[in-house]
Amino acid sequence: MISPQQVEEMIKAELPDAQIQVQDLTGGGDHYQVTVVSSQFAGKRLVQQHQLVYGALRQAMSTEAIHALALKTYTPEAWQTTAAS
């Protein structure tokens, strides 16, 4: 089991400028939905953006502390467009 705050801290360690929203989907601390907004995603394909986040959570994923992860990633510009619609 891992806390939403720990998930956020692990992502922040790799993507310091990121704005992160973490939602525990089941209340069990192992199924999360995470939204990450970072300028480091600029110029990267969606798969590459997700790989950056998965890399930040690699240890928690490999030990199954996180069993499932629904992930949404945005550049700040894409996030503004999404938030405006």
C-alpha atoms as a PDB file:
ATOM      1  CA  MET A   1       0.000   0.000   0.000  1.00  0.00           C
ATOM      2  CA  ILE A   2       1.203   3.427  -0.916  1.00  0.00           C
ATOM      3  CA  SER A   3      -0.363   6.800  -0.152  1.00  0.00           C
ATOM      4  CA  PRO A   4      -1.469   9.328  -2.759  1.00  0.00           C
ATOM      5  CA  GLN A   5       1.083  11.750  -1.283  1.00  0.00           C
ATOM      6  CA  GLN A   6       3.871   9.211  -1.831  1.00  0.00           C
ATOM      7  CA  VAL A   7       2.784   8.776  -5.453  1.00  0.00           C
ATOM      8  CA  GLU A   8       2.897  12.545  -5.917  1.00  0.00           C
ATOM      9  CA  GLU A   9       6.335  12.791  -4.260  1.00  0.00           C
ATOM     10  CA  MET A  10       7.814  10.087  -6.500  1.00  0.00           C
ATOM     11  CA  ILE A  11       6.564  11.841  -9.623  1.00  0.00           C
ATOM     12  CA  LYS A  12       7.781  15.233  -8.349  1.00  0.00           C
ATOM     13  CA  ALA A  13      11.251  13.770  -7.806  1.00  0.00           C
ATOM     14  CA  GLU A  14      11.491  13.029 -11.555  1.00  0.00           C
ATOM     15  CA  LEU A  15       9.340  15.885 -12.866  1.00  0.00           C
ATOM     16  CA  PRO A  16       9.903  18.783 -10.434  1.00  0.00           C
ATOM     17  CA  ASP A  17       7.704  21.253 -12.330  1.00  0.00           C
ATOM     18  CA  ALA A  18       4.752  18.870 -12.534  1.00  0.00           C
ATOM     19  CA  GLN A  19       1.270  19.634 -11.333  1.00  0.00           C
ATOM     20  CA  ILE A  20      -0.112  16.330 -10.131  1.00  0.00           C
ATOM     21  CA  GLN A  21      -3.552  15.072  -9.183  1.00  0.00           C
ATOM     22  CA  VAL A  22      -3.680  11.624  -7.574  1.00  0.00           C
ATOM     23  CA  GLN A  23      -6.925   9.773  -6.963  1.00  0.00           C
ATOM     24  CA  ASP A  24      -7.086   6.470  -5.080  1.00  0.00           C
ATOM     25  CA  LEU A  25      -9.707   4.605  -7.124  1.00  0.00           C
ATOM     26  CA  THR A  26     -10.528   1.837  -4.631  1.00  0.00           C
ATOM     27  CA  GLY A  27      -9.435   3.225  -1.269  1.00  0.00           C
ATOM     28  CA  GLY A  28      -6.948   0.371  -0.956  1.00  0.00           C
ATOM     29  CA  GLY A  29      -3.850   2.370  -1.853  1.00  0.00           C
ATOM     30  CA  ASP A  30      -2.902   0.307  -4.885  1.00  0.00           C
ATOM     31  CA  HIS A  31      -5.213   1.445  -7.721  1.00  0.00           C
ATOM     32  CA  TYR A  32      -4.626   5.029  -8.762  1.00  0.00           C
ATOM     33  CA  GLN A  33      -5.676   7.531 -11.373  1.00  0.00           C
ATOM     34  CA  VAL A  34      -3.006  10.176 -11.885  1.00  0.00           C
ATOM     35  CA  THR A  35      -3.093  13.336 -13.962  1.00  0.00           C
ATOM     36  CA  VAL A  36       0.281  14.977 -14.578  1.00  0.00           C
ATOM     37  CA  VAL A  37       0.881  18.363 -16.226  1.00  0.00           C
ATOM     38  CA  SER A  38       4.514  19.133 -17.020  1.00  0.00           C
ATOM     39  CA  SER A  39       6.499  21.251 -19.443  1.00  0.00           C
ATOM     40  CA  GLN A  40       8.879  18.284 -19.735  1.00  0.00           C
ATOM     41  CA  PHE A  41       6.241  16.571 -21.899  1.00  0.00           C
ATOM     42  CA  ALA A  42       6.631  19.193 -24.626  1.00  0.00           C
ATOM     43  CA  GLY A  43       7.675  17.663 -27.942  1.00  0.00           C
ATOM     44  CA  LYS A  44       7.157  14.117 -26.663  1.00  0.00           C
ATOM     45  CA  ARG A  45       4.594  11.626 -27.896  1.00  0.00           C
ATOM     46  CA  LEU A  46       1.972  10.388 -25.460  1.00  0.00           C
ATOM     47  CA  VAL A  47       3.807   7.080 -25.001  1.00  0.00           C
ATOM     48  CA  GLN A  48       7.014   8.933 -24.146  1.00  0.00           C
ATOM     49  CA  GLN A  49       5.131  11.129 -21.654  1.00  0.00           C
ATOM     50  CA  HIS A  50       3.706   8.051 -19.960  1.00  0.00           C
ATOM     51  CA  GLN A  51       7.122   6.403 -19.901  1.00  0.00           C
ATOM     52  CA  LEU A  52       8.481   9.373 -17.926  1.00  0.00           C
ATOM     53  CA  VAL A  53       5.792   8.933 -15.286  1.00  0.00           C
ATOM     54  CA  TYR A  54       6.104   5.137 -15.219  1.00  0.00           C
ATOM     55  CA  GLY A  55       9.853   5.611 -14.767  1.00  0.00           C
ATOM     56  CA  ALA A  56       9.186   7.757 -11.702  1.00  0.00           C
ATOM     57  CA  LEU A  57       6.945   5.027 -10.273  1.00  0.00           C
ATOM     58  CA  ARG A  58       9.060   2.073 -11.444  1.00  0.00           C
ATOM     59  CA  GLN A  59       9.917   0.751  -7.989  1.00  0.00           C
ATOM     60  CA  ALA A  60       6.352   0.986  -6.695  1.00  0.00           C
ATOM     61  CA  MET A  61       5.039  -0.715  -9.851  1.00  0.00           C
ATOM     62  CA  SER A  62       7.638  -3.491  -9.815  1.00  0.00           C
ATOM     63  CA  THR A  63       6.951  -4.353  -6.180  1.00  0.00           C
ATOM     64  CA  GLU A  64       3.184  -4.165  -6.864  1.00  0.00           C
ATOM     65  CA  ALA A  65       2.772  -1.463  -4.220  1.00  0.00           C
ATOM     66  CA  ILE A  66       0.857   0.108  -7.107  1.00  0.00           C
ATOM     67  CA  HIS A  67      -1.186  -2.578  -8.816  1.00  0.00           C
ATOM     68  CA  ALA A  68      -3.017  -0.440 -11.383  1.00  0.00           C
ATOM     69  CA  LEU A  69      -2.420   3.028 -12.753  1.00  0.00           C
ATOM     70  CA  ALA A  70      -4.701   5.072 -15.004  1.00  0.00           C
ATOM     71  CA  LEU A  71      -2.581   7.883 -16.380  1.00  0.00           C
ATOM     72  CA  LYS A  72      -3.321  11.169 -18.131  1.00  0.00           C
ATOM     73  CA  THR A  73      -0.488  13.478 -19.140  1.00  0.00           C
ATOM     74  CA  TYR A  74      -0.579  16.993 -20.539  1.00  0.00           C
ATOM     75  CA  THR A  75       1.771  19.806 -21.393  1.00  0.00           C
ATOM     76  CA  PRO A  76       0.721  23.065 -19.679  1.00  0.00           C
ATOM     77  CA  GLU A  77      -0.616  24.325 -23.022  1.00  0.00           C
ATOM     78  CA  ALA A  78      -2.653  21.165 -23.640  1.00  0.00           C
ATOM     79  CA  TRP A  79      -3.959  21.296 -20.072  1.00  0.00           C
ATOM     80  CA  GLN A  80      -5.185  24.883 -20.559  1.00  0.00           C
ATOM     81  CA  THR A  81      -7.007  23.817 -23.712  1.00  0.00           C
ATOM     82  CA  THR A  82      -8.556  20.848 -21.897  1.00  0.00           C
ATOM     83  CA  ALA A  83      -9.537  22.919 -18.876  1.00  0.00           C
ATOM     84  CA  ALA A  84     -11.121  25.591 -21.073  1.00  0.00           C
ATOM     85  CA  SER A  85     -13.369  23.136 -22.920  1.00  0.00           C
END
